[in-house]
Amino acid sequence: MKFDVLGRVNNMRLPDGKTALLYSVYEAVSNSIHAINDRFGEEKAAAKGRVSVDILLDEDGDVASISVADNGVGFTDENIESFETSDSRFKYRRGGKGVGRFIWIKMFQTIRVDSVIKNGSTKERIRFRFAPEKLNSIAYKRVVPAPSDEIGTVITLSRLHREQRGRVRPTSYLKDLAGC
């Protein structure tokens, strides 16, 4: 059986724009929490882990980009393999279904990953663009030494698809995101 990622994404139905945008953030934050647990263990994760969400608006008041940063384990080889695998079972024990990034693809045109991992006694910075339209979806991957950078990952979702623009007002979105 062959698999067409963009065909699957096109066939996905998402709720209204605000909820779909929230799902994008929830998926990224959920991945951050998993990475933090992997790095520090569940007992210390709450005390040592950090997750931040930054939302930038464009001149029209639409979301220009959403960045989710954490100080988790980073995009290790196992995490990259899972990231590239549709419906990955890598996080089943944690409730993951391996489809979260499909929501990102449905909502945003550009998905970038910037991650620093520990590789033995050294640190490496891994940067790439997730390009599901390409045979190798990990596009423009660069791996360089990262001697002073802290371990963790930043996922940046940007360039809302045209059909998503104007469907979300930032004030209501931010209120729902904060749970107020």
C-alpha atoms as a PDB file:
ATOM      1  CA  MET A   1       0.000   0.000   0.000  1.00  0.00           C
ATOM      2  CA  LYS A   2       1.222   3.481  -0.807  1.00  0.00           C
ATOM      3  CA  PHE A   3       0.530   6.496   1.353  1.00  0.00           C
ATOM      4  CA  ASP A   4      -0.252  10.016   0.125  1.00  0.00           C
ATOM      5  CA  VAL A   5       0.244  12.428   3.044  1.00  0.00           C
ATOM      6  CA  LEU A   6      -1.253  15.433   1.285  1.00  0.00           C
ATOM      7  CA  GLY A   7      -4.240  13.363   0.128  1.00  0.00           C
ATOM      8  CA  ARG A   8      -4.858  12.308   3.714  1.00  0.00           C
ATOM      9  CA  VAL A   9      -4.571  15.892   4.933  1.00  0.00           C
ATOM     10  CA  ASN A  10      -6.956  17.130   2.227  1.00  0.00           C
ATOM     11  CA  ASN A  11      -9.509  14.509   3.308  1.00  0.00           C
ATOM     12  CA  MET A  12      -9.283  15.510   6.974  1.00  0.00           C
ATOM     13  CA  ARG A  13     -12.132  17.501   8.395  1.00  0.00           C
ATOM     14  CA  LEU A  14     -11.286  19.983  11.112  1.00  0.00           C
ATOM     15  CA  PRO A  15     -13.626  21.957  13.325  1.00  0.00           C
ATOM     16  CA  ASP A  16     -13.931  25.741  13.004  1.00  0.00           C
ATOM     17  CA  GLY A  17     -10.771  27.776  12.556  1.00  0.00           C
ATOM     18  CA  LYS A  18     -10.278  28.658  16.208  1.00  0.00           C
ATOM     19  CA  THR A  19     -10.562  25.075  17.431  1.00  0.00           C
ATOM     20  CA  ALA A  20      -8.314  23.775  14.665  1.00  0.00           C
ATOM     21  CA  LEU A  21      -5.721  26.413  15.533  1.00  0.00           C
ATOM     22  CA  LEU A  22      -5.958  25.404  19.191  1.00  0.00           C
ATOM     23  CA  TYR A  23      -5.413  21.777  18.185  1.00  0.00           C
ATOM     24  CA  SER A  24      -2.197  22.823  16.446  1.00  0.00           C
ATOM     25  CA  VAL A  25      -0.880  24.329  19.666  1.00  0.00           C
ATOM     26  CA  TYR A  26      -2.142  21.466  21.844  1.00  0.00           C
ATOM     27  CA  GLU A  27      -0.353  18.929  19.653  1.00  0.00           C
ATOM     28  CA  ALA A  28       2.926  20.840  19.852  1.00  0.00           C
ATOM     29  CA  VAL A  29       2.613  21.330  23.625  1.00  0.00           C
ATOM     30  CA  SER A  30       1.766  17.650  24.104  1.00  0.00           C
ATOM     31  CA  ASN A  31       4.930  16.714  22.211  1.00  0.00           C
ATOM     32  CA  SER A  32       6.886  19.149  24.399  1.00  0.00           C
ATOM     33  CA  ILE A  33       5.563  17.540  27.560  1.00  0.00           C
ATOM     34  CA  HIS A  34       6.556  14.096  26.279  1.00  0.00           C
ATOM     35  CA  ALA A  35      10.068  15.361  25.481  1.00  0.00           C
ATOM     36  CA  ILE A  36      10.388  16.916  28.936  1.00  0.00           C
ATOM     37  CA  ASN A  37       9.278  13.666  30.582  1.00  0.00           C
ATOM     38  CA  ASP A  38      11.831  11.792  28.467  1.00  0.00           C
ATOM     39  CA  ARG A  39      14.598  14.114  29.565  1.00  0.00           C
ATOM     40  CA  PHE A  40      13.859  14.565  33.272  1.00  0.00           C
ATOM     41  CA  GLY A  41      11.531  11.674  34.150  1.00  0.00           C
ATOM     42  CA  GLU A  42       7.936  12.186  35.227  1.00  0.00           C
ATOM     43  CA  GLU A  43       8.919  12.835  38.858  1.00  0.00           C
ATOM     44  CA  LYS A  44      11.094  15.856  38.017  1.00  0.00           C
ATOM     45  CA  ALA A  45       9.432  17.062  34.821  1.00  0.00           C
ATOM     46  CA  ALA A  46       7.095  19.577  36.488  1.00  0.00           C
ATOM     47  CA  ALA A  47       9.951  21.191  38.425  1.00  0.00           C
ATOM     48  CA  LYS A  48      12.566  21.249  35.651  1.00  0.00           C
ATOM     49  CA  GLY A  49      10.540  21.385  32.430  1.00  0.00           C
ATOM     50  CA  ARG A  50       9.659  24.548  30.529  1.00  0.00           C
ATOM     51  CA  VAL A  51       7.226  25.094  27.671  1.00  0.00           C
ATOM     52  CA  SER A  52       6.513  28.460  26.107  1.00  0.00           C
ATOM     53  CA  VAL A  53       4.108  29.452  23.355  1.00  0.00           C
ATOM     54  CA  ASP A  54       4.690  32.608  21.298  1.00  0.00           C
ATOM     55  CA  ILE A  55       2.062  33.888  18.881  1.00  0.00           C
ATOM     56  CA  LEU A  56       2.874  36.603  16.363  1.00  0.00           C
ATOM     57  CA  LEU A  57       0.161  38.439  14.450  1.00  0.00           C
ATOM     58  CA  ASP A  58       0.431  39.923  10.979  1.00  0.00           C
ATOM     59  CA  GLU A  59      -0.714  43.400   9.932  1.00  0.00           C
ATOM     60  CA  ASP A  60      -4.261  42.077   9.309  1.00  0.00           C
ATOM     61  CA  GLY A  61      -4.556  40.641  12.813  1.00  0.00           C
ATOM     62  CA  ASP A  62      -4.259  37.044  11.638  1.00  0.00           C
ATOM     63  CA  VAL A  63      -1.815  34.598  13.168  1.00  0.00           C
ATOM     64  CA  ALA A  64       1.533  35.005  11.388  1.00  0.00           C
ATOM     65  CA  SER A  65       3.290  32.293  13.364  1.00  0.00           C
ATOM     66  CA  ILE A  66       3.087  30.140  16.449  1.00  0.00           C
ATOM     67  CA  SER A  67       6.257  28.907  18.130  1.00  0.00           C
ATOM     68  CA  VAL A  68       6.280  26.270  20.852  1.00  0.00           C
ATOM     69  CA  ALA A  69       9.582  25.881  22.700  1.00  0.00           C
ATOM     70  CA  ASP A  70      10.626  23.374  25.342  1.00  0.00           C
ATOM     71  CA  ASN A  71      13.691  22.124  27.178  1.00  0.00           C
ATOM     72  CA  GLY A  72      12.934  18.467  26.557  1.00  0.00           C
ATOM     73  CA  VAL A  73      15.143  15.759  25.108  1.00  0.00           C
ATOM     74  CA  GLY A  74      14.985  17.195  21.580  1.00  0.00           C
ATOM     75  CA  PHE A  75      14.655  15.576  18.168  1.00  0.00           C
ATOM     76  CA  THR A  76      16.674  12.444  18.778  1.00  0.00           C
ATOM     77  CA  ASP A  77      17.000   9.846  16.019  1.00  0.00           C
ATOM     78  CA  GLU A  78      14.011   7.950  17.498  1.00  0.00           C
ATOM     79  CA  ASN A  79      11.897  11.108  17.590  1.00  0.00           C
ATOM     80  CA  ILE A  80      12.783  12.022  13.998  1.00  0.00           C
ATOM     81  CA  GLU A  81      11.920   8.488  12.837  1.00  0.00           C
ATOM     82  CA  SER A  82       8.549   8.719  14.586  1.00  0.00           C
ATOM     83  CA  PHE A  83       7.964  12.237  13.234  1.00  0.00           C
ATOM     84  CA  GLU A  84       8.444  10.959   9.681  1.00  0.00           C
ATOM     85  CA  THR A  85       6.093   8.002  10.198  1.00  0.00           C
ATOM     86  CA  SER A  86       2.379   8.488   9.654  1.00  0.00           C
ATOM     87  CA  ASP A  87       0.262   7.021  12.436  1.00  0.00           C
ATOM     88  CA  SER A  88       3.420   6.174  14.379  1.00  0.00           C
ATOM     89  CA  ARG A  89       2.884   3.946  17.413  1.00  0.00           C
ATOM     90  CA  PHE A  90       5.938   5.423  19.149  1.00  0.00           C
ATOM     91  CA  LYS A  91       3.818   7.273  21.742  1.00  0.00           C
ATOM     92  CA  TYR A  92       0.814   4.950  22.020  1.00  0.00           C
ATOM     93  CA  ARG A  93       1.502   4.302  25.709  1.00  0.00           C
ATOM     94  CA  ARG A  94       1.136   8.049  26.295  1.00  0.00           C
ATOM     95  CA  GLY A  95      -2.013   8.425  24.247  1.00  0.00           C
ATOM     96  CA  GLY A  96      -0.246   9.638  21.101  1.00  0.00           C
ATOM     97  CA  LYS A  97      -1.669   8.560  17.771  1.00  0.00           C
ATOM     98  CA  GLY A  98       1.048   9.817  15.405  1.00  0.00           C
ATOM     99  CA  VAL A  99      -1.220  12.201  13.506  1.00  0.00           C
ATOM    100  CA  GLY A 100      -0.759  15.570  15.249  1.00  0.00           C
ATOM    101  CA  ARG A 101       1.442  17.041  12.572  1.00  0.00           C
ATOM    102  CA  PHE A 102      -1.343  16.449  10.018  1.00  0.00           C
ATOM    103  CA  ILE A 103      -3.257  19.215  11.772  1.00  0.00           C
ATOM    104  CA  TRP A 104      -0.215  21.463  11.379  1.00  0.00           C
ATOM    105  CA  ILE A 105      -0.075  20.651   7.657  1.00  0.00           C
ATOM    106  CA  LYS A 106      -3.786  21.381   7.272  1.00  0.00           C
ATOM    107  CA  MET A 107      -3.467  24.768   8.988  1.00  0.00           C
ATOM    108  CA  PHE A 108       0.002  26.061   8.036  1.00  0.00           C
ATOM    109  CA  GLN A 109       2.162  26.196   4.925  1.00  0.00           C
ATOM    110  CA  THR A 110       5.498  26.217   6.764  1.00  0.00           C
ATOM    111  CA  ILE A 111       6.615  24.022   9.667  1.00  0.00           C
ATOM    112  CA  ARG A 112      10.141  24.457  11.000  1.00  0.00           C
ATOM    113  CA  VAL A 113      12.001  22.496  13.643  1.00  0.00           C
ATOM    114  CA  ASP A 114      15.061  23.753  15.524  1.00  0.00           C
ATOM    115  CA  SER A 115      16.308  21.286  18.113  1.00  0.00           C
ATOM    116  CA  VAL A 116      19.399  20.797  20.256  1.00  0.00           C
ATOM    117  CA  ILE A 117      20.070  17.258  21.438  1.00  0.00           C
ATOM    118  CA  LYS A 118      22.732  15.592  23.512  1.00  0.00           C
ATOM    119  CA  ASN A 119      24.664  13.077  21.436  1.00  0.00           C
ATOM    120  CA  GLY A 120      27.081  11.288  23.742  1.00  0.00           C
ATOM    121  CA  SER A 121      29.264  13.955  25.344  1.00  0.00           C
ATOM    122  CA  THR A 122      28.479  16.592  22.698  1.00  0.00           C
ATOM    123  CA  LYS A 123      25.446  18.605  21.691  1.00  0.00           C
ATOM    124  CA  GLU A 124      24.096  18.932  18.172  1.00  0.00           C
ATOM    125  CA  ARG A 125      21.691  21.454  16.667  1.00  0.00           C
ATOM    126  CA  ILE A 126      19.285  19.946  14.157  1.00  0.00           C
ATOM    127  CA  ARG A 127      17.262  22.252  11.940  1.00  0.00           C
ATOM    128  CA  PHE A 128      14.854  21.322   9.192  1.00  0.00           C
ATOM    129  CA  ARG A 129      11.620  22.200   7.478  1.00  0.00           C
ATOM    130  CA  PHE A 130       8.882  19.599   7.538  1.00  0.00           C
ATOM    131  CA  ALA A 131       7.840  19.287   3.887  1.00  0.00           C
ATOM    132  CA  PRO A 132       5.218  16.535   3.537  1.00  0.00           C
ATOM    133  CA  GLU A 133       4.937  17.159  -0.188  1.00  0.00           C
ATOM    134  CA  LYS A 134       8.488  15.819  -0.647  1.00  0.00           C
ATOM    135  CA  LEU A 135       9.476  12.166  -0.677  1.00  0.00           C
ATOM    136  CA  ASN A 136      11.904  12.939   2.154  1.00  0.00           C
ATOM    137  CA  SER A 137       9.704  15.109   4.367  1.00  0.00           C
ATOM    138  CA  ILE A 138      12.657  16.242   6.495  1.00  0.00           C
ATOM    139  CA  ALA A 139      13.788  18.951   4.075  1.00  0.00           C
ATOM    140  CA  TYR A 140      16.867  21.140   4.239  1.00  0.00           C
ATOM    141  CA  LYS A 141      18.142  19.305   7.305  1.00  0.00           C
ATOM    142  CA  ARG A 142      21.268  20.754   8.895  1.00  0.00           C
ATOM    143  CA  VAL A 143      23.145  19.214  11.816  1.00  0.00           C
ATOM    144  CA  VAL A 144      25.907  21.277  13.414  1.00  0.00           C
ATOM    145  CA  PRO A 145      27.737  21.211  16.741  1.00  0.00           C
ATOM    146  CA  ALA A 146      25.976  23.188  19.477  1.00  0.00           C
ATOM    147  CA  PRO A 147      28.550  23.723  22.222  1.00  0.00           C
ATOM    148  CA  SER A 148      26.674  26.252  24.328  1.00  0.00           C
ATOM    149  CA  ASP A 149      23.010  25.838  23.406  1.00  0.00           C
ATOM    150  CA  GLU A 150      20.565  24.380  25.877  1.00  0.00           C
ATOM    151  CA  ILE A 151      18.883  21.112  24.987  1.00  0.00           C
ATOM    152  CA  GLY A 152      15.333  21.480  23.680  1.00  0.00           C
ATOM    153  CA  THR A 153      13.180  22.168  20.657  1.00  0.00           C
ATOM    154  CA  VAL A 154      11.343  25.023  18.987  1.00  0.00           C
ATOM    155  CA  ILE A 155       8.544  24.169  16.556  1.00  0.00           C
ATOM    156  CA  THR A 156       7.442  27.129  14.440  1.00  0.00           C
ATOM    157  CA  LEU A 157       4.188  26.987  12.500  1.00  0.00           C
ATOM    158  CA  SER A 158       3.758  29.848  10.042  1.00  0.00           C
ATOM    159  CA  ARG A 159       1.954  31.059   6.938  1.00  0.00           C
ATOM    160  CA  LEU A 160      -1.653  30.085   7.597  1.00  0.00           C
ATOM    161  CA  HIS A 161      -3.303  28.573   4.562  1.00  0.00           C
ATOM    162  CA  ARG A 162      -5.467  31.098   2.749  1.00  0.00           C
ATOM    163  CA  GLU A 163      -8.718  29.329   3.684  1.00  0.00           C
ATOM    164  CA  GLN A 164      -7.810  29.607   7.393  1.00  0.00           C
ATOM    165  CA  ARG A 165      -7.110  33.344   7.351  1.00  0.00           C
ATOM    166  CA  GLY A 166      -9.697  35.619   8.934  1.00  0.00           C
ATOM    167  CA  ARG A 167     -11.479  32.761  10.719  1.00  0.00           C
ATOM    168  CA  VAL A 168      -9.876  33.439  14.088  1.00  0.00           C
ATOM    169  CA  ARG A 169      -9.754  36.630  16.093  1.00  0.00           C
ATOM    170  CA  PRO A 170      -6.692  36.733  18.338  1.00  0.00           C
ATOM    171  CA  THR A 171      -8.510  37.916  21.466  1.00  0.00           C
ATOM    172  CA  SER A 172     -10.856  34.919  21.543  1.00  0.00           C
ATOM    173  CA  TYR A 173      -8.061  32.546  20.518  1.00  0.00           C
ATOM    174  CA  LEU A 174      -5.708  33.714  23.258  1.00  0.00           C
ATOM    175  CA  LYS A 175      -8.490  33.504  25.828  1.00  0.00           C
ATOM    176  CA  ASP A 176      -9.237  29.884  24.869  1.00  0.00           C
ATOM    177  CA  LEU A 177      -5.560  28.975  24.756  1.00  0.00           C
ATOM    178  CA  ALA A 178      -5.009  30.329  28.264  1.00  0.00           C
ATOM    179  CA  GLY A 179      -8.115  28.504  29.532  1.00  0.00           C
ATOM    180  CA  CYS A 180      -9.677  31.671  30.971  1.00  0.00           C
END
